[in-house]
Amino acid sequence: MNIDFLSQFQRILRLKDLEAWDVAMNGKDCRIIIVDEGRPSRDEDFPWLKDGIGEDKRENHITAHVFSSRGLEKSEERM
């Protein structure tokens, strides 16, 4: 699966701590919201990691949220 970043990945909003992007892939329209949490990463941010993130904590935690009116396949979510 490929995304043409010039025509299928368009930024629609840019603020100091938030960006919104519209993405088209496989005929599905999605919106990605990227948020700068303004804080360091914590172990609780990564519940799927059994032992937490240890010393690899970042000074600036960023989260991404994907919204779509149609269901996405796992491979599309990862992309």
N, C-alpha and C. Protein backbone atom coordinates (compact mmCIF):
# COMPACT_ATOMS: atom_id res chain seq x y z
N MET A 1 0.85 -1.17 0.00
CA MET A 1 0.00 0.00 0.00
C MET A 1 0.89 1.23 0.00
N ASN A 2 0.61 2.15 -0.87
CA ASN A 2 1.37 3.38 -0.96
C ASN A 2 0.44 4.57 -0.80
N ILE A 3 0.99 5.62 -0.23
CA ILE A 3 0.28 6.89 -0.13
C ILE A 3 1.10 7.93 -0.87
N ASP A 4 0.48 8.60 -1.81
CA ASP A 4 1.14 9.70 -2.51
C ASP A 4 1.04 10.92 -1.61
N PHE A 5 2.14 11.25 -0.93
CA PHE A 5 2.11 12.29 0.09
C PHE A 5 1.82 13.67 -0.48
N LEU A 6 2.01 13.88 -1.76
CA LEU A 6 1.72 15.18 -2.33
C LEU A 6 0.24 15.37 -2.63
N SER A 7 -0.44 14.32 -3.05
CA SER A 7 -1.84 14.49 -3.42
C SER A 7 -2.82 13.84 -2.45
N GLN A 8 -2.37 12.91 -1.62
CA GLN A 8 -3.29 12.19 -0.74
C GLN A 8 -3.04 12.47 0.74
N PHE A 9 -2.18 13.41 1.05
CA PHE A 9 -1.83 13.71 2.44
C PHE A 9 -1.76 15.22 2.55
N GLN A 10 -2.85 15.85 2.98
CA GLN A 10 -2.93 17.32 2.99
C GLN A 10 -3.14 17.84 4.41
N ARG A 11 -2.28 18.76 4.83
CA ARG A 11 -2.46 19.38 6.15
C ARG A 11 -3.60 20.38 6.04
N ILE A 12 -4.56 20.28 6.97
CA ILE A 12 -5.71 21.19 6.94
C ILE A 12 -5.72 22.17 8.11
N LEU A 13 -4.91 21.89 9.14
CA LEU A 13 -4.86 22.78 10.29
C LEU A 13 -3.49 22.68 10.94
N ARG A 14 -2.94 23.82 11.30
CA ARG A 14 -1.66 23.83 12.01
C ARG A 14 -1.73 24.88 13.11
N LEU A 15 -1.65 24.40 14.35
CA LEU A 15 -1.61 25.27 15.51
C LEU A 15 -0.32 24.98 16.27
N LYS A 16 -0.09 25.69 17.34
CA LYS A 16 1.15 25.52 18.09
C LYS A 16 1.32 24.09 18.58
N ASP A 17 0.27 23.48 19.13
CA ASP A 17 0.37 22.15 19.73
C ASP A 17 -0.50 21.10 19.05
N LEU A 18 -1.00 21.38 17.85
CA LEU A 18 -1.90 20.45 17.18
C LEU A 18 -1.82 20.63 15.67
N GLU A 19 -1.86 19.51 14.95
CA GLU A 19 -1.97 19.53 13.49
C GLU A 19 -3.05 18.55 13.08
N ALA A 20 -3.73 18.85 12.00
CA ALA A 20 -4.73 17.95 11.44
C ALA A 20 -4.40 17.73 9.97
N TRP A 21 -4.48 16.47 9.56
CA TRP A 21 -4.17 16.08 8.18
C TRP A 21 -5.31 15.25 7.63
N ASP A 22 -5.66 15.47 6.37
CA ASP A 22 -6.58 14.60 5.65
C ASP A 22 -5.75 13.64 4.81
N VAL A 23 -6.10 12.37 4.88
CA VAL A 23 -5.36 11.33 4.17
C VAL A 23 -6.36 10.48 3.39
N ALA A 24 -6.02 10.17 2.14
CA ALA A 24 -6.82 9.25 1.34
C ALA A 24 -5.97 8.03 1.05
N MET A 25 -6.48 6.85 1.41
CA MET A 25 -5.77 5.62 1.08
C MET A 25 -6.78 4.52 0.81
N ASN A 26 -6.54 3.80 -0.25
CA ASN A 26 -7.42 2.71 -0.66
C ASN A 26 -8.88 3.15 -0.76
N GLY A 27 -9.11 4.36 -1.24
CA GLY A 27 -10.47 4.85 -1.41
C GLY A 27 -11.16 5.26 -0.13
N LYS A 28 -10.43 5.32 0.97
CA LYS A 28 -11.01 5.71 2.26
C LYS A 28 -10.40 7.05 2.68
N ASP A 29 -11.26 7.92 3.17
CA ASP A 29 -10.80 9.22 3.67
C ASP A 29 -10.63 9.15 5.17
N CYS A 30 -9.50 9.63 5.66
CA CYS A 30 -9.20 9.62 7.09
C CYS A 30 -8.74 11.01 7.51
N ARG A 31 -8.82 11.26 8.77
CA ARG A 31 -8.27 12.49 9.35
C ARG A 31 -7.34 12.06 10.48
N ILE A 32 -6.15 12.63 10.49
CA ILE A 32 -5.17 12.35 11.53
C ILE A 32 -4.96 13.63 12.33
N ILE A 33 -5.11 13.52 13.63
CA ILE A 33 -4.89 14.64 14.54
C ILE A 33 -3.62 14.32 15.33
N ILE A 34 -2.63 15.20 15.25
CA ILE A 34 -1.37 15.02 15.96
C ILE A 34 -1.30 16.09 17.05
N VAL A 35 -1.10 15.63 18.29
CA VAL A 35 -1.15 16.54 19.44
C VAL A 35 0.17 16.50 20.19
N ASP A 36 0.74 17.67 20.42
CA ASP A 36 1.90 17.80 21.29
C ASP A 36 1.36 17.95 22.70
N GLU A 37 1.60 16.94 23.54
CA GLU A 37 1.03 16.92 24.88
C GLU A 37 1.71 17.91 25.83
N GLY A 38 2.87 18.45 25.43
CA GLY A 38 3.54 19.44 26.24
C GLY A 38 4.09 18.90 27.55
N ARG A 39 4.47 17.63 27.54
CA ARG A 39 5.00 16.99 28.74
C ARG A 39 5.90 15.84 28.34
N PRO A 40 6.74 15.36 29.25
CA PRO A 40 7.57 14.19 28.94
C PRO A 40 6.72 12.92 28.85
N SER A 41 7.22 11.92 28.14
CA SER A 41 6.56 10.62 28.08
C SER A 41 6.61 9.94 29.45
N ARG A 42 5.59 9.12 29.71
CA ARG A 42 5.53 8.33 30.94
C ARG A 42 5.26 6.88 30.58
N ASP A 43 5.56 5.98 31.48
CA ASP A 43 5.30 4.56 31.23
C ASP A 43 3.82 4.31 30.93
N GLU A 44 2.93 5.07 31.57
CA GLU A 44 1.47 4.89 31.36
C GLU A 44 1.05 5.19 29.92
N ASP A 45 1.88 5.93 29.19
CA ASP A 45 1.56 6.25 27.80
C ASP A 45 1.72 5.04 26.88
N PHE A 46 2.37 3.99 27.35
CA PHE A 46 2.67 2.82 26.54
C PHE A 46 2.21 1.54 27.26
N PRO A 47 0.89 1.36 27.44
CA PRO A 47 0.41 0.21 28.22
C PRO A 47 0.73 -1.14 27.58
N TRP A 48 1.03 -1.16 26.29
CA TRP A 48 1.34 -2.42 25.62
C TRP A 48 2.78 -2.89 25.89
N LEU A 49 3.61 -2.04 26.47
CA LEU A 49 4.98 -2.43 26.81
C LEU A 49 4.99 -2.96 28.24
N LYS A 50 5.30 -4.20 28.38
CA LYS A 50 5.23 -4.89 29.68
C LYS A 50 6.06 -4.19 30.76
N ASP A 51 7.27 -3.77 30.41
CA ASP A 51 8.17 -3.17 31.40
C ASP A 51 8.28 -1.65 31.25
N GLY A 52 7.35 -1.03 30.54
CA GLY A 52 7.42 0.41 30.33
C GLY A 52 8.48 0.78 29.30
N ILE A 53 8.82 2.04 29.24
CA ILE A 53 9.78 2.49 28.23
C ILE A 53 11.17 2.72 28.81
N GLY A 54 11.32 2.56 30.10
CA GLY A 54 12.64 2.66 30.71
C GLY A 54 13.29 4.02 30.50
N GLU A 55 14.55 4.00 30.10
CA GLU A 55 15.31 5.24 29.93
C GLU A 55 15.05 5.94 28.60
N ASP A 56 14.25 5.35 27.73
CA ASP A 56 13.99 5.94 26.41
C ASP A 56 12.89 6.99 26.44
N LYS A 57 12.62 7.55 27.59
CA LYS A 57 11.58 8.57 27.70
C LYS A 57 11.97 9.81 26.90
N ARG A 58 11.00 10.39 26.24
CA ARG A 58 11.22 11.61 25.46
C ARG A 58 10.77 12.81 26.27
N GLU A 59 11.38 13.94 25.99
CA GLU A 59 11.03 15.18 26.69
C GLU A 59 9.69 15.73 26.22
N ASN A 60 9.25 15.32 25.04
CA ASN A 60 8.06 15.90 24.43
C ASN A 60 7.17 14.77 23.90
N HIS A 61 6.10 14.47 24.62
CA HIS A 61 5.22 13.36 24.23
C HIS A 61 4.23 13.82 23.15
N ILE A 62 4.18 13.09 22.06
CA ILE A 62 3.29 13.38 20.93
C ILE A 62 2.31 12.22 20.78
N THR A 63 1.02 12.52 20.59
CA THR A 63 0.04 11.48 20.32
C THR A 63 -0.59 11.72 18.95
N ALA A 64 -1.03 10.65 18.32
CA ALA A 64 -1.70 10.74 17.03
C ALA A 64 -3.03 9.99 17.12
N HIS A 65 -4.08 10.60 16.61
CA HIS A 65 -5.42 10.01 16.63
C HIS A 65 -5.91 9.93 15.19
N VAL A 66 -6.45 8.78 14.80
CA VAL A 66 -6.93 8.57 13.44
C VAL A 66 -8.44 8.41 13.47
N PHE A 67 -9.12 9.17 12.61
CA PHE A 67 -10.57 9.10 12.51
C PHE A 67 -10.95 8.78 11.07
N SER A 68 -11.95 7.91 10.91
CA SER A 68 -12.43 7.56 9.58
C SER A 68 -13.91 7.20 9.68
N SER A 69 -14.68 7.62 8.69
CA SER A 69 -16.10 7.27 8.70
C SER A 69 -16.32 5.82 8.26
N ARG A 70 -15.30 5.22 7.66
CA ARG A 70 -15.36 3.81 7.25
C ARG A 70 -14.30 3.05 8.03
N GLY A 71 -14.58 1.80 8.34
CA GLY A 71 -13.64 0.99 9.09
C GLY A 71 -12.31 0.82 8.36
N LEU A 72 -11.23 0.82 9.11
CA LEU A 72 -9.90 0.64 8.53
C LEU A 72 -9.38 -0.76 8.86
N GLU A 73 -8.65 -1.34 7.92
CA GLU A 73 -7.99 -2.61 8.18
C GLU A 73 -6.75 -2.34 9.03
N LYS A 74 -6.24 -3.37 9.70
CA LYS A 74 -5.07 -3.21 10.58
C LYS A 74 -3.88 -2.63 9.81
N SER A 75 -3.66 -3.07 8.58
CA SER A 75 -2.52 -2.57 7.81
C SER A 75 -2.70 -1.08 7.49
N GLU A 76 -3.94 -0.64 7.29
CA GLU A 76 -4.20 0.77 7.02
C GLU A 76 -3.99 1.61 8.28
N GLU A 77 -4.38 1.07 9.43
CA GLU A 77 -4.15 1.78 10.70
C GLU A 77 -2.68 1.97 10.94
N ARG A 78 -1.87 0.95 10.70
CA ARG A 78 -0.43 1.04 10.92
C ARG A 78 0.20 2.05 9.95
N MET A 79 -0.28 2.09 8.72
CA MET A 79 0.27 3.01 7.74
C MET A 79 0.06 4.44 8.22
